[in-house]
C-alpha atoms as a PDB file:
ATOM      1  CA  UNK A   1     -23.571  -3.990 -15.986  1.00  0.00           C
ATOM      2  CA  UNK A   2     -21.813  -0.711 -16.586  1.00  0.00           C
ATOM      3  CA  UNK A   3     -18.782  -1.030 -18.815  1.00  0.00           C
ATOM      4  CA  UNK A   4     -15.669   0.626 -17.410  1.00  0.00           C
ATOM      5  CA  UNK A   5     -12.633   1.283 -19.546  1.00  0.00           C
ATOM      6  CA  UNK A   6     -10.013   1.722 -16.843  1.00  0.00           C
ATOM      7  CA  UNK A   7      -9.485   0.010 -13.498  1.00  0.00           C
ATOM      8  CA  UNK A   8      -7.483   1.827 -10.810  1.00  0.00           C
ATOM      9  CA  UNK A   9      -5.907  -0.432  -8.179  1.00  0.00           C
ATOM     10  CA  UNK A  10      -4.285   0.375  -4.868  1.00  0.00           C
ATOM     11  CA  UNK A  11      -1.077  -1.648  -4.343  1.00  0.00           C
ATOM     12  CA  UNK A  12      -0.317  -2.373  -0.665  1.00  0.00           C
ATOM     13  CA  UNK A  13      -2.746  -4.823   0.957  1.00  0.00           C
ATOM     14  CA  UNK A  14      -4.965  -4.779  -2.145  1.00  0.00           C
ATOM     15  CA  UNK A  15      -2.616  -6.742  -4.418  1.00  0.00           C
ATOM     16  CA  UNK A  16       0.799  -6.833  -2.731  1.00  0.00           C
ATOM     17  CA  UNK A  17       0.576  -8.577   0.653  1.00  0.00           C
ATOM     18  CA  UNK A  18       2.103  -5.904   2.875  1.00  0.00           C
ATOM     19  CA  UNK A  19       1.578  -7.759   6.158  1.00  0.00           C
ATOM     20  CA  UNK A  20       3.132 -11.028   5.012  1.00  0.00           C
ATOM     21  CA  UNK A  21       6.083  -9.345   3.324  1.00  0.00           C
ATOM     22  CA  UNK A  22       6.752  -7.076   6.301  1.00  0.00           C
ATOM     23  CA  UNK A  23       6.493  -9.984   8.744  1.00  0.00           C
ATOM     24  CA  UNK A  24       9.151 -11.924   6.849  1.00  0.00           C
ATOM     25  CA  UNK A  25      11.461  -8.936   6.603  1.00  0.00           C
ATOM     26  CA  UNK A  26      11.194  -7.917  10.246  1.00  0.00           C
ATOM     27  CA  UNK A  27      11.793 -11.518  11.325  1.00  0.00           C
ATOM     28  CA  UNK A  28      14.963 -11.561   9.245  1.00  0.00           C
ATOM     29  CA  UNK A  29      16.112  -8.203  10.646  1.00  0.00           C
ATOM     30  CA  UNK A  30      15.500  -9.372  14.209  1.00  0.00           C
ATOM     31  CA  UNK A  31      17.837 -12.316  13.662  1.00  0.00           C
ATOM     32  CA  UNK A  32      20.449 -10.585  11.485  1.00  0.00           C
ATOM     33  CA  UNK A  33      20.923  -7.654  13.850  1.00  0.00           C
ATOM     34  CA  UNK A  34      20.477  -9.789  16.990  1.00  0.00           C
ATOM     35  CA  UNK A  35      18.022  -7.285  18.411  1.00  0.00           C
ATOM     36  CA  UNK A  36      17.741  -9.103  21.730  1.00  0.00           C
ATOM     37  CA  UNK A  37      21.229  -7.739  22.417  1.00  0.00           C
ATOM     38  CA  UNK A  38      19.776  -4.217  22.113  1.00  0.00           C
ATOM     39  CA  UNK A  39      17.217  -4.884  24.854  1.00  0.00           C
ATOM     40  CA  UNK A  40      14.261  -5.939  22.679  1.00  0.00           C
ATOM     41  CA  UNK A  41      13.075  -9.013  24.544  1.00  0.00           C
ATOM     42  CA  UNK A  42      11.497 -10.949  21.687  1.00  0.00           C
ATOM     43  CA  UNK A  43      10.288 -10.712  18.103  1.00  0.00           C
ATOM     44  CA  UNK A  44       6.634 -10.087  19.046  1.00  0.00           C
ATOM     45  CA  UNK A  45       7.670  -6.991  20.999  1.00  0.00           C
ATOM     46  CA  UNK A  46       9.584  -5.761  17.945  1.00  0.00           C
ATOM     47  CA  UNK A  47       6.684  -6.527  15.584  1.00  0.00           C
ATOM     48  CA  UNK A  48       4.068  -4.858  17.786  1.00  0.00           C
ATOM     49  CA  UNK A  49       6.267  -1.772  18.149  1.00  0.00           C
ATOM     50  CA  UNK A  50       6.731  -1.597  14.401  1.00  0.00           C
ATOM     51  CA  UNK A  51       3.010  -1.603  13.672  1.00  0.00           C
ATOM     52  CA  UNK A  52       2.178   0.937  16.362  1.00  0.00           C
ATOM     53  CA  UNK A  53       4.859   3.367  15.212  1.00  0.00           C
ATOM     54  CA  UNK A  54       4.549   2.780  11.477  1.00  0.00           C
ATOM     55  CA  UNK A  55       0.782   3.299  11.472  1.00  0.00           C
ATOM     56  CA  UNK A  56       1.114   6.667  13.212  1.00  0.00           C
ATOM     57  CA  UNK A  57       3.943   7.840  10.959  1.00  0.00           C
ATOM     58  CA  UNK A  58       2.100   6.922   7.764  1.00  0.00           C
ATOM     59  CA  UNK A  59      -1.053   8.625   9.046  1.00  0.00           C
ATOM     60  CA  UNK A  60       0.991  11.814   9.462  1.00  0.00           C
ATOM     61  CA  UNK A  61       2.573  11.334   6.038  1.00  0.00           C
ATOM     62  CA  UNK A  62      -0.826  10.847   4.390  1.00  0.00           C
ATOM     63  CA  UNK A  63      -2.063  14.058   6.034  1.00  0.00           C
ATOM     64  CA  UNK A  64       0.946  15.955   4.720  1.00  0.00           C
ATOM     65  CA  UNK A  65       2.286  16.516   8.235  1.00  0.00           C
ATOM     66  CA  UNK A  66       5.480  14.525   7.690  1.00  0.00           C
ATOM     67  CA  UNK A  67       7.784  14.181   4.699  1.00  0.00           C
ATOM     68  CA  UNK A  68       9.482  11.077   3.369  1.00  0.00           C
ATOM     69  CA  UNK A  69      12.929  11.900   4.770  1.00  0.00           C
ATOM     70  CA  UNK A  70      11.637  12.505   8.283  1.00  0.00           C
ATOM     71  CA  UNK A  71       9.590   9.320   8.254  1.00  0.00           C
ATOM     72  CA  UNK A  72      12.600   7.287   7.232  1.00  0.00           C
ATOM     73  CA  UNK A  73      14.956   9.073   9.624  1.00  0.00           C
ATOM     74  CA  UNK A  74      12.881   8.492  12.755  1.00  0.00           C
ATOM     75  CA  UNK A  75      10.951   5.277  12.080  1.00  0.00           C
ATOM     76  CA  UNK A  76      13.312   2.736  13.656  1.00  0.00           C
ATOM     77  CA  UNK A  77      14.403   5.127  16.398  1.00  0.00           C
ATOM     78  CA  UNK A  78      10.790   5.304  17.553  1.00  0.00           C
ATOM     79  CA  UNK A  79      10.332   1.559  17.091  1.00  0.00           C
ATOM     80  CA  UNK A  80      13.366   0.820  19.263  1.00  0.00           C
ATOM     81  CA  UNK A  81      12.112   3.212  21.934  1.00  0.00           C
ATOM     82  CA  UNK A  82       8.629   1.656  21.850  1.00  0.00           C
ATOM     83  CA  UNK A  83      10.162  -1.840  22.081  1.00  0.00           C
ATOM     84  CA  UNK A  84      12.237  -0.950  25.148  1.00  0.00           C
ATOM     85  CA  UNK A  85      15.609  -0.279  23.517  1.00  0.00           C
ATOM     86  CA  UNK A  86      17.556   2.987  23.382  1.00  0.00           C
ATOM     87  CA  UNK A  87      16.822   4.940  20.214  1.00  0.00           C
ATOM     88  CA  UNK A  88      20.503   5.845  19.786  1.00  0.00           C
ATOM     89  CA  UNK A  89      21.442   2.190  19.313  1.00  0.00           C
ATOM     90  CA  UNK A  90      19.622   1.666  15.999  1.00  0.00           C
ATOM     91  CA  UNK A  91      22.011   0.269  13.367  1.00  0.00           C
ATOM     92  CA  UNK A  92      22.339   3.059  10.792  1.00  0.00           C
ATOM     93  CA  UNK A  93      21.717   0.728   7.842  1.00  0.00           C
ATOM     94  CA  UNK A  94      18.514  -0.790   9.245  1.00  0.00           C
ATOM     95  CA  UNK A  95      16.049   1.558   7.521  1.00  0.00           C
ATOM     96  CA  UNK A  96      17.563   0.983   4.074  1.00  0.00           C
ATOM     97  CA  UNK A  97      17.853  -2.736   4.752  1.00  0.00           C
ATOM     98  CA  UNK A  98      14.195  -2.874   5.769  1.00  0.00           C
ATOM     99  CA  UNK A  99      12.974  -1.026   2.676  1.00  0.00           C
ATOM    100  CA  UNK A 100      15.069  -3.028   0.214  1.00  0.00           C
ATOM    101  CA  UNK A 101      14.369  -6.343   1.890  1.00  0.00           C
ATOM    102  CA  UNK A 102      10.613  -5.798   2.206  1.00  0.00           C
ATOM    103  CA  UNK A 103      10.103  -4.327  -1.254  1.00  0.00           C
ATOM    104  CA  UNK A 104      11.903  -7.336  -2.750  1.00  0.00           C
ATOM    105  CA  UNK A 105       9.392  -9.787  -1.271  1.00  0.00           C
ATOM    106  CA  UNK A 106       7.029 -11.410  -3.792  1.00  0.00           C
ATOM    107  CA  UNK A 107       3.971 -12.334  -1.750  1.00  0.00           C
ATOM    108  CA  UNK A 108       0.605 -11.247  -3.125  1.00  0.00           C
ATOM    109  CA  UNK A 109      -2.899 -11.146  -1.698  1.00  0.00           C
ATOM    110  CA  UNK A 110      -4.839 -14.336  -2.612  1.00  0.00           C
ATOM    111  CA  UNK A 111      -6.267 -14.359  -6.161  1.00  0.00           C
ATOM    112  CA  UNK A 112      -4.222 -11.305  -7.251  1.00  0.00           C
ATOM    113  CA  UNK A 113      -2.624 -12.901 -10.298  1.00  0.00           C
ATOM    114  CA  UNK A 114      -5.752 -14.867 -11.175  1.00  0.00           C
ATOM    115  CA  UNK A 115      -8.000 -11.818 -11.208  1.00  0.00           C
ATOM    116  CA  UNK A 116      -5.502  -9.687 -13.108  1.00  0.00           C
ATOM    117  CA  UNK A 117      -5.260 -12.391 -15.780  1.00  0.00           C
ATOM    118  CA  UNK A 118      -9.060 -12.438 -15.932  1.00  0.00           C
ATOM    119  CA  UNK A 119      -9.350  -8.643 -16.269  1.00  0.00           C
ATOM    120  CA  UNK A 120      -6.416  -7.868 -18.535  1.00  0.00           C
ATOM    121  CA  UNK A 121      -8.014  -8.793 -21.891  1.00  0.00           C
ATOM    122  CA  UNK A 122     -10.893  -6.351 -21.426  1.00  0.00           C
ATOM    123  CA  UNK A 123      -9.613  -3.451 -19.333  1.00  0.00           C
ATOM    124  CA  UNK A 124      -6.710  -1.043 -19.028  1.00  0.00           C
ATOM    125  CA  UNK A 125      -5.332  -1.247 -15.486  1.00  0.00           C
ATOM    126  CA  UNK A 126      -3.320   1.234 -13.443  1.00  0.00           C
ATOM    127  CA  UNK A 127      -1.931   1.631  -9.919  1.00  0.00           C
ATOM    128  CA  UNK A 128      -2.549   4.647  -7.656  1.00  0.00           C
ATOM    129  CA  UNK A 129      -0.460   4.455  -4.490  1.00  0.00           C
ATOM    130  CA  UNK A 130       0.757   6.659  -1.653  1.00  0.00           C
ATOM    131  CA  UNK A 131       3.989   4.694  -1.435  1.00  0.00           C
ATOM    132  CA  UNK A 132       7.494   5.866  -2.349  1.00  0.00           C
ATOM    133  CA  UNK A 133       8.589   5.611  -5.983  1.00  0.00           C
ATOM    134  CA  UNK A 134      11.570   3.300  -5.567  1.00  0.00           C
ATOM    135  CA  UNK A 135       9.927   0.888  -3.130  1.00  0.00           C
ATOM    136  CA  UNK A 136       6.680   0.617  -5.115  1.00  0.00           C
ATOM    137  CA  UNK A 137       8.574  -0.032  -8.337  1.00  0.00           C
ATOM    138  CA  UNK A 138      10.584  -2.780  -6.641  1.00  0.00           C
ATOM    139  CA  UNK A 139       7.424  -4.350  -5.214  1.00  0.00           C
ATOM    140  CA  UNK A 140       5.849  -4.428  -8.670  1.00  0.00           C
ATOM    141  CA  UNK A 141       8.942  -6.058 -10.168  1.00  0.00           C
ATOM    142  CA  UNK A 142       9.607  -8.586  -7.415  1.00  0.00           C
ATOM    143  CA  UNK A 143       5.991  -9.786  -7.339  1.00  0.00           C
ATOM    144  CA  UNK A 144       5.574  -9.984 -11.121  1.00  0.00           C
ATOM    145  CA  UNK A 145       2.878  -7.313 -11.353  1.00  0.00           C
ATOM    146  CA  UNK A 146       4.564  -4.978 -13.838  1.00  0.00           C
ATOM    147  CA  UNK A 147       3.106  -6.468 -17.010  1.00  0.00           C
ATOM    148  CA  UNK A 148      -0.496  -5.990 -15.922  1.00  0.00           C
ATOM    149  CA  UNK A 149      -0.448  -2.210 -15.509  1.00  0.00           C
ATOM    150  CA  UNK A 150      -0.002   0.686 -17.906  1.00  0.00           C
ATOM    151  CA  UNK A 151       0.636   3.453 -15.372  1.00  0.00           C
ATOM    152  CA  UNK A 152       1.853   3.429 -11.781  1.00  0.00           C
ATOM    153  CA  UNK A 153       0.927   6.759 -10.195  1.00  0.00           C
ATOM    154  CA  UNK A 154       2.524   7.586  -6.839  1.00  0.00           C
ATOM    155  CA  UNK A 155       1.934  10.409  -4.394  1.00  0.00           C
ATOM    156  CA  UNK A 156       5.645  11.166  -4.616  1.00  0.00           C
ATOM    157  CA  UNK A 157       5.392  11.783  -8.371  1.00  0.00           C
ATOM    158  CA  UNK A 158       2.209  13.837  -8.302  1.00  0.00           C
ATOM    159  CA  UNK A 159       2.815  15.750  -5.076  1.00  0.00           C
ATOM    160  CA  UNK A 160      -0.639  14.728  -3.857  1.00  0.00           C
ATOM    161  CA  UNK A 161      -1.673  11.833  -1.633  1.00  0.00           C
ATOM    162  CA  UNK A 162      -4.905   9.858  -1.676  1.00  0.00           C
ATOM    163  CA  UNK A 163      -7.634  10.814  -0.755  1.00  0.00           C
ATOM    164  CA  UNK A 164      -6.753  14.159  -2.383  1.00  0.00           C
ATOM    165  CA  UNK A 165      -8.788  14.218  -5.635  1.00  0.00           C
ATOM    166  CA  UNK A 166      -5.812  15.731  -7.427  1.00  0.00           C
ATOM    167  CA  UNK A 167      -3.933  12.427  -7.539  1.00  0.00           C
ATOM    168  CA  UNK A 168      -6.950  10.802  -9.178  1.00  0.00           C
ATOM    169  CA  UNK A 169      -7.368  13.736 -11.561  1.00  0.00           C
ATOM    170  CA  UNK A 170      -3.704  13.414 -12.496  1.00  0.00           C
ATOM    171  CA  UNK A 171      -4.364   9.928 -13.861  1.00  0.00           C
ATOM    172  CA  UNK A 172      -7.662  10.913 -15.489  1.00  0.00           C
ATOM    173  CA  UNK A 173      -5.864  13.709 -17.328  1.00  0.00           C
ATOM    174  CA  UNK A 174      -3.019  11.401 -18.304  1.00  0.00           C
ATOM    175  CA  UNK A 175      -5.524   8.957 -19.797  1.00  0.00           C
ATOM    176  CA  UNK A 176      -7.789  11.679 -21.259  1.00  0.00           C
ATOM    177  CA  UNK A 177     -10.865   9.951 -19.848  1.00  0.00           C
ATOM    178  CA  UNK A 178     -13.838  10.881 -17.672  1.00  0.00           C
ATOM    179  CA  UNK A 179     -14.314   9.757 -14.077  1.00  0.00           C
ATOM    180  CA  UNK A 180     -17.339   7.726 -15.184  1.00  0.00           C
ATOM    181  CA  UNK A 181     -15.078   5.594 -17.395  1.00  0.00           C
ATOM    182  CA  UNK A 182     -13.090   4.394 -14.371  1.00  0.00           C
ATOM    183  CA  UNK A 183     -13.439   2.498 -11.102  1.00  0.00           C
ATOM    184  CA  UNK A 184     -11.103   2.362  -8.072  1.00  0.00           C
ATOM    185  CA  UNK A 185     -10.337  -0.858  -6.160  1.00  0.00           C
ATOM    186  CA  UNK A 186      -8.686  -0.566  -2.748  1.00  0.00           C
ATOM    187  CA  UNK A 187      -8.610  -1.687   0.875  1.00  0.00           C
ATOM    188  CA  UNK A 188      -8.302   1.678   2.617  1.00  0.00           C
ATOM    189  CA  UNK A 189     -11.649   3.308   3.500  1.00  0.00           C
ATOM    190  CA  UNK A 190     -10.207   6.812   3.407  1.00  0.00           C
ATOM    191  CA  UNK A 191      -7.358   6.999   0.925  1.00  0.00           C
ATOM    192  CA  UNK A 192      -8.942   4.666  -1.641  1.00  0.00           C
ATOM    193  CA  UNK A 193     -12.703   4.818  -1.177  1.00  0.00           C
ATOM    194  CA  UNK A 194     -13.217   8.340   0.145  1.00  0.00           C
ATOM    195  CA  UNK A 195     -10.688   9.569  -2.397  1.00  0.00           C
ATOM    196  CA  UNK A 196     -12.634   7.928  -5.215  1.00  0.00           C
ATOM    197  CA  UNK A 197     -15.972   9.229  -3.907  1.00  0.00           C
ATOM    198  CA  UNK A 198     -14.625  12.763  -3.728  1.00  0.00           C
ATOM    199  CA  UNK A 199     -13.339  12.335  -7.290  1.00  0.00           C
ATOM    200  CA  UNK A 200     -16.739  11.091  -8.571  1.00  0.00           C
ATOM    201  CA  UNK A 201     -15.170   7.730  -9.423  1.00  0.00           C
ATOM    202  CA  UNK A 202     -17.036   4.475  -8.777  1.00  0.00           C
ATOM    203  CA  UNK A 203     -15.239   2.292  -6.274  1.00  0.00           C
ATOM    204  CA  UNK A 204     -14.854  -1.181  -4.825  1.00  0.00           C
ATOM    205  CA  UNK A 205     -13.995  -1.547  -1.160  1.00  0.00           C
ATOM    206  CA  UNK A 206     -11.817  -4.625  -0.610  1.00  0.00           C
ATOM    207  CA  UNK A 207     -12.622  -5.663   2.955  1.00  0.00           C
ATOM    208  CA  UNK A 208     -11.149  -9.143   3.562  1.00  0.00           C
ATOM    209  CA  UNK A 209     -11.508  -8.937   7.344  1.00  0.00           C
ATOM    210  CA  UNK A 210     -15.019  -7.507   7.456  1.00  0.00           C
ATOM    211  CA  UNK A 211     -13.996  -4.275   9.160  1.00  0.00           C
ATOM    212  CA  UNK A 212     -16.765  -2.262   7.529  1.00  0.00           C
ATOM    213  CA  UNK A 213     -16.661   1.324   6.325  1.00  0.00           C
ATOM    214  CA  UNK A 214     -18.437   4.552   7.221  1.00  0.00           C
ATOM    215  CA  UNK A 215     -18.562   5.736   3.616  1.00  0.00           C
ATOM    216  CA  UNK A 216     -20.872   4.155   1.037  1.00  0.00           C
ATOM    217  CA  UNK A 217     -18.806   2.362  -1.616  1.00  0.00           C
ATOM    218  CA  UNK A 218     -20.208   1.396  -4.992  1.00  0.00           C
ATOM    219  CA  UNK A 219     -19.358  -2.246  -4.231  1.00  0.00           C
ATOM    220  CA  UNK A 220     -17.804  -4.204  -1.364  1.00  0.00           C
ATOM    221  CA  UNK A 221     -15.892  -7.479  -1.758  1.00  0.00           C
ATOM    222  CA  UNK A 222     -14.256  -9.842   0.734  1.00  0.00           C
ATOM    223  CA  UNK A 223     -11.829 -11.503  -1.698  1.00  0.00           C
ATOM    224  CA  UNK A 224     -10.473 -10.459  -5.080  1.00  0.00           C
ATOM    225  CA  UNK A 225     -12.117 -13.310  -6.967  1.00  0.00           C
ATOM    226  CA  UNK A 226     -15.443 -11.587  -6.340  1.00  0.00           C
ATOM    227  CA  UNK A 227     -14.386  -9.035  -8.947  1.00  0.00           C
ATOM    228  CA  UNK A 228     -15.452 -11.603 -11.540  1.00  0.00           C
ATOM    229  CA  UNK A 229     -19.047 -10.976 -10.436  1.00  0.00           C
ATOM    230  CA  UNK A 230     -18.671  -7.233 -11.085  1.00  0.00           C
ATOM    231  CA  UNK A 231     -16.781  -7.288 -14.365  1.00  0.00           C
END
């Protein structure tokens, strides 16, 4: 088996359980702000609206067609509108509350800590993420991931978003290593796997739900414990 020196991990939905943490936070917001009084009939309506809007906004952000400020300014306005409430009724503190509350949640994808403990003695590990600096740092701290990683590279810091090869090259240059010394592990077919392919970096597609992928990853796994069979 090829010996890699450095392992690059995505953060959201690869290690940090985005869906579970967001679900908890939105449930709390629904109750705290009494969103039924704003015309949102139930929590499921609010949750569905969030995912529909958030997915589209992040797709635009990843393509460089929307900046961080705009995303944050309009996110809950569009969610309220999608959920049947007036967009001018959004509590002004809701966006900040959502980010702080969610990023402070500790839930990890199954086997995250176990596999990191297994890998740490033999590999240098790093994060490459398209998330915002402050929220990703808080996620790492609240979930106890900080001690496992040497560098946390964000799109906000580098000015480039996965799958742009420049964000991967930024870390390669920082480490003074070749692409062949590294491997990328992530759940997103485009930002993680396509980005790694375009950067000539071996890659592991984490596909817990069996969605499949149009690209050809170096490896595919369904749960993180399978990494023990690769390393």
